[in-house]
Protein backbone atom coordinates (compact mmCIF):
# COMPACT_ATOMS: atom_id res chain seq x y z
CA MET A 1 -98.14 -73.55 235.31
CA LYS A 2 -98.55 -76.10 232.50
CA ASP A 3 -99.07 -74.93 228.95
CA ILE A 4 -102.37 -75.88 227.35
CA VAL A 5 -102.93 -76.45 223.65
CA LEU A 6 -106.20 -76.73 221.75
CA LEU A 7 -105.80 -79.32 218.99
CA ILE A 8 -108.46 -79.01 216.29
CA GLU A 9 -108.17 -82.14 214.16
CA ASP A 10 -110.83 -84.46 212.73
CA GLU A 11 -108.54 -87.40 211.93
CA LYS A 12 -108.62 -89.54 215.05
CA LYS A 13 -105.27 -91.32 214.57
CA THR A 14 -103.44 -88.10 213.78
CA ALA A 15 -104.98 -86.32 216.78
CA GLU A 16 -104.29 -89.16 219.21
CA MET A 17 -100.67 -89.49 218.08
CA LEU A 18 -99.99 -85.74 218.33
CA LYS A 19 -101.85 -85.44 221.64
CA ARG A 20 -99.81 -88.27 223.20
CA ALA A 21 -96.54 -86.84 221.89
CA LEU A 22 -97.27 -83.39 223.33
CA GLU A 23 -98.39 -84.85 226.66
CA THR A 24 -95.05 -86.68 226.97
CA GLU A 25 -93.50 -83.19 226.88
CA ASP A 26 -95.70 -82.10 229.81
CA ILE A 27 -98.09 -80.07 227.64
CA ASP A 28 -101.82 -80.36 228.33
CA VAL A 29 -103.88 -80.94 225.19
CA VAL A 30 -107.61 -80.47 224.66
CA TRP A 31 -108.77 -82.15 221.46
CA ALA A 32 -111.71 -80.91 219.39
CA GLU A 33 -112.80 -82.90 216.32
CA ASP A 34 -114.68 -80.07 214.59
CA GLY A 35 -115.30 -76.32 214.59
CA PRO A 36 -118.30 -76.16 216.93
CA SER A 37 -116.49 -78.32 219.53
CA ALA A 38 -113.40 -76.12 219.26
CA LEU A 39 -115.46 -72.97 219.80
CA LYS A 40 -117.09 -74.48 222.90
CA GLU A 41 -113.63 -75.25 224.29
CA MET A 42 -112.43 -71.71 223.51
CA LYS A 43 -115.33 -70.26 225.48
CA LYS A 44 -114.45 -72.43 228.51
CA GLY A 45 -110.95 -71.10 228.99
CA ARG A 46 -107.70 -69.72 227.69
CA PHE A 47 -105.24 -71.64 225.55
CA ASP A 48 -101.58 -70.92 225.01
CA LEU A 49 -101.60 -72.27 221.48
CA ILE A 50 -103.97 -73.66 218.87
CA ILE A 51 -103.02 -76.36 216.40
CA LEU A 52 -105.52 -76.09 213.55
CA ASP A 53 -106.33 -78.44 210.70
CA LEU A 54 -107.96 -76.67 207.76
CA LYS A 55 -110.09 -79.53 206.43
CA LEU A 56 -112.74 -80.10 209.08
CA PRO A 57 -116.28 -81.46 208.84
CA GLY A 58 -119.03 -78.85 208.53
CA MET A 59 -116.86 -75.78 209.02
CA SER A 60 -113.45 -75.12 207.47
CA GLY A 61 -110.44 -74.31 209.61
CA ASP A 62 -110.27 -70.72 208.37
CA GLU A 63 -113.94 -70.23 209.34
CA VAL A 64 -113.22 -71.68 212.77
CA LEU A 65 -110.26 -69.34 213.18
CA GLU A 66 -112.40 -66.31 212.29
CA LYS A 67 -114.75 -67.22 215.14
CA ILE A 68 -111.86 -67.98 217.50
CA ARG A 69 -110.50 -64.47 216.84
CA ASP A 70 -113.81 -63.10 218.20
CA ILE A 71 -113.08 -64.95 221.45
CA ASP A 72 -109.29 -64.43 221.65
CA ARG A 73 -107.66 -62.13 219.08
CA TYR A 74 -104.12 -63.00 220.03
CA VAL A 75 -103.91 -66.73 220.73
CA GLU A 76 -100.95 -68.17 218.81
CA THR A 77 -102.09 -70.51 216.05
CA VAL A 78 -100.20 -73.10 214.03
CA VAL A 79 -101.86 -74.51 210.92
CA TYR A 80 -101.27 -78.25 210.62
CA THR A 81 -102.60 -79.50 207.29
CA ASN A 82 -101.97 -80.80 203.76
CA TYR A 83 -104.19 -78.12 202.29
CA GLU A 84 -102.47 -75.14 200.60
CA GLU A 85 -104.87 -72.98 198.61
CA PRO A 86 -103.39 -69.45 198.16
CA PRO A 87 -106.59 -67.47 198.93
CA VAL A 88 -107.07 -69.47 202.14
CA MET A 89 -103.42 -69.08 203.15
CA LYS A 90 -103.70 -65.31 202.55
CA LYS A 91 -106.83 -65.20 204.74
CA LEU A 92 -105.02 -67.12 207.49
CA TYR A 93 -102.14 -64.67 207.34
CA LYS A 94 -104.59 -61.78 207.79
CA LEU A 95 -105.99 -63.66 210.81
CA GLY A 96 -102.54 -63.75 212.40
CA VAL A 97 -101.30 -67.20 211.38
CA TYR A 98 -97.64 -67.10 210.46
CA ASP A 99 -96.72 -70.73 210.98
CA TYR A 100 -97.74 -73.61 208.77
CA ILE A 101 -96.70 -77.23 209.23
CA ARG A 102 -97.34 -79.89 206.65
CA LYS A 103 -98.85 -83.11 207.92
CA GLY A 104 -98.98 -86.49 206.29
CA VAL A 105 -96.73 -89.44 205.56
CA ASP A 106 -93.58 -87.33 205.27
CA ALA A 107 -94.31 -85.26 208.38
CA ASP A 108 -91.96 -85.54 211.32
CA LEU A 109 -93.98 -85.83 214.53
CA TRP A 110 -91.09 -84.81 216.78
CA GLU A 111 -90.32 -81.81 214.60
CA MET A 112 -93.95 -80.74 215.12
CA VAL A 113 -93.62 -81.27 218.88
CA GLN A 114 -90.43 -79.19 218.95
CA ASN A 115 -92.15 -76.45 216.94
CA VAL A 116 -94.99 -76.37 219.48
CA LYS A 117 -92.54 -76.24 222.39
CA ASP A 118 -90.67 -73.36 220.72
CA LYS A 119 -93.95 -71.45 220.31
CA LEU A 120 -94.90 -72.04 223.94
CA LYS A 121 -91.51 -71.15 225.38
CA PRO A 122 -89.85 -68.64 223.05
CA PHE A 123 -87.47 -67.54 225.83
CA SER A 124 -85.36 -69.41 228.33
CA GLU A 125 -86.03 -68.63 232.00
CA GLU A 126 -82.88 -66.49 232.04
CA GLU A 127 -84.00 -64.48 228.98
CA ARG A 128 -87.50 -64.13 230.44
CA GLU A 129 -86.14 -62.75 233.72
CA LYS A 130 -83.95 -60.28 231.85
CA ILE A 131 -86.95 -59.01 229.86
CA LEU A 132 -89.05 -58.69 233.02
CA GLU A 133 -86.37 -56.50 234.58
CA TYR A 134 -87.12 -53.84 231.96
CA LEU A 135 -90.88 -53.73 232.56
CA PRO A 136 -92.22 -50.95 234.78
CA GLU A 137 -92.74 -51.94 238.43
CA GLY A 138 -95.97 -53.91 238.88
CA MET A 139 -96.80 -54.19 235.18
CA PHE A 140 -96.39 -57.96 235.03
CA GLN A 141 -98.48 -58.52 238.16
CA GLU A 142 -101.27 -56.36 236.70
CA TYR A 143 -101.18 -58.47 233.52
CA GLU A 144 -101.43 -61.72 235.51
CA MET A 145 -104.37 -60.36 237.55
CA LYS A 146 -106.21 -59.66 234.28
CA GLY A 147 -105.88 -63.31 233.24
CA GLY A 148 -102.58 -63.25 231.36
CA ARG A 149 -100.23 -66.18 231.60
């Protein structure tokens, strides 16, 4: 099953470049240009990861994330922005964001892509199988039937 990422980014060139780069790594990307569009996408289906810009038109990224947490409390989120205001960063931390990547002229696109891949696949297939051996019989199947990935 392919991983699917929700990219919330209002800068068209940045979004297109990142979307193409992730798709070359066989990752599906849904792009939302603003908060309301992102929330509509969240209500349509599950995402494995969210890449979130903080400076968005109409609704800030931290406000969007608060509403996303009402839909999916646990979806992994990476903040991708130039914006670093301490109160906002503290709020993001409380909302479960532990990863922040700086974008801009000095940003390394392929480093960002690798970061996303690492978030999506934290374990090798061998490590994953080893972990699954320790789960009680049928637990993983029950999780998948409830919509887990």
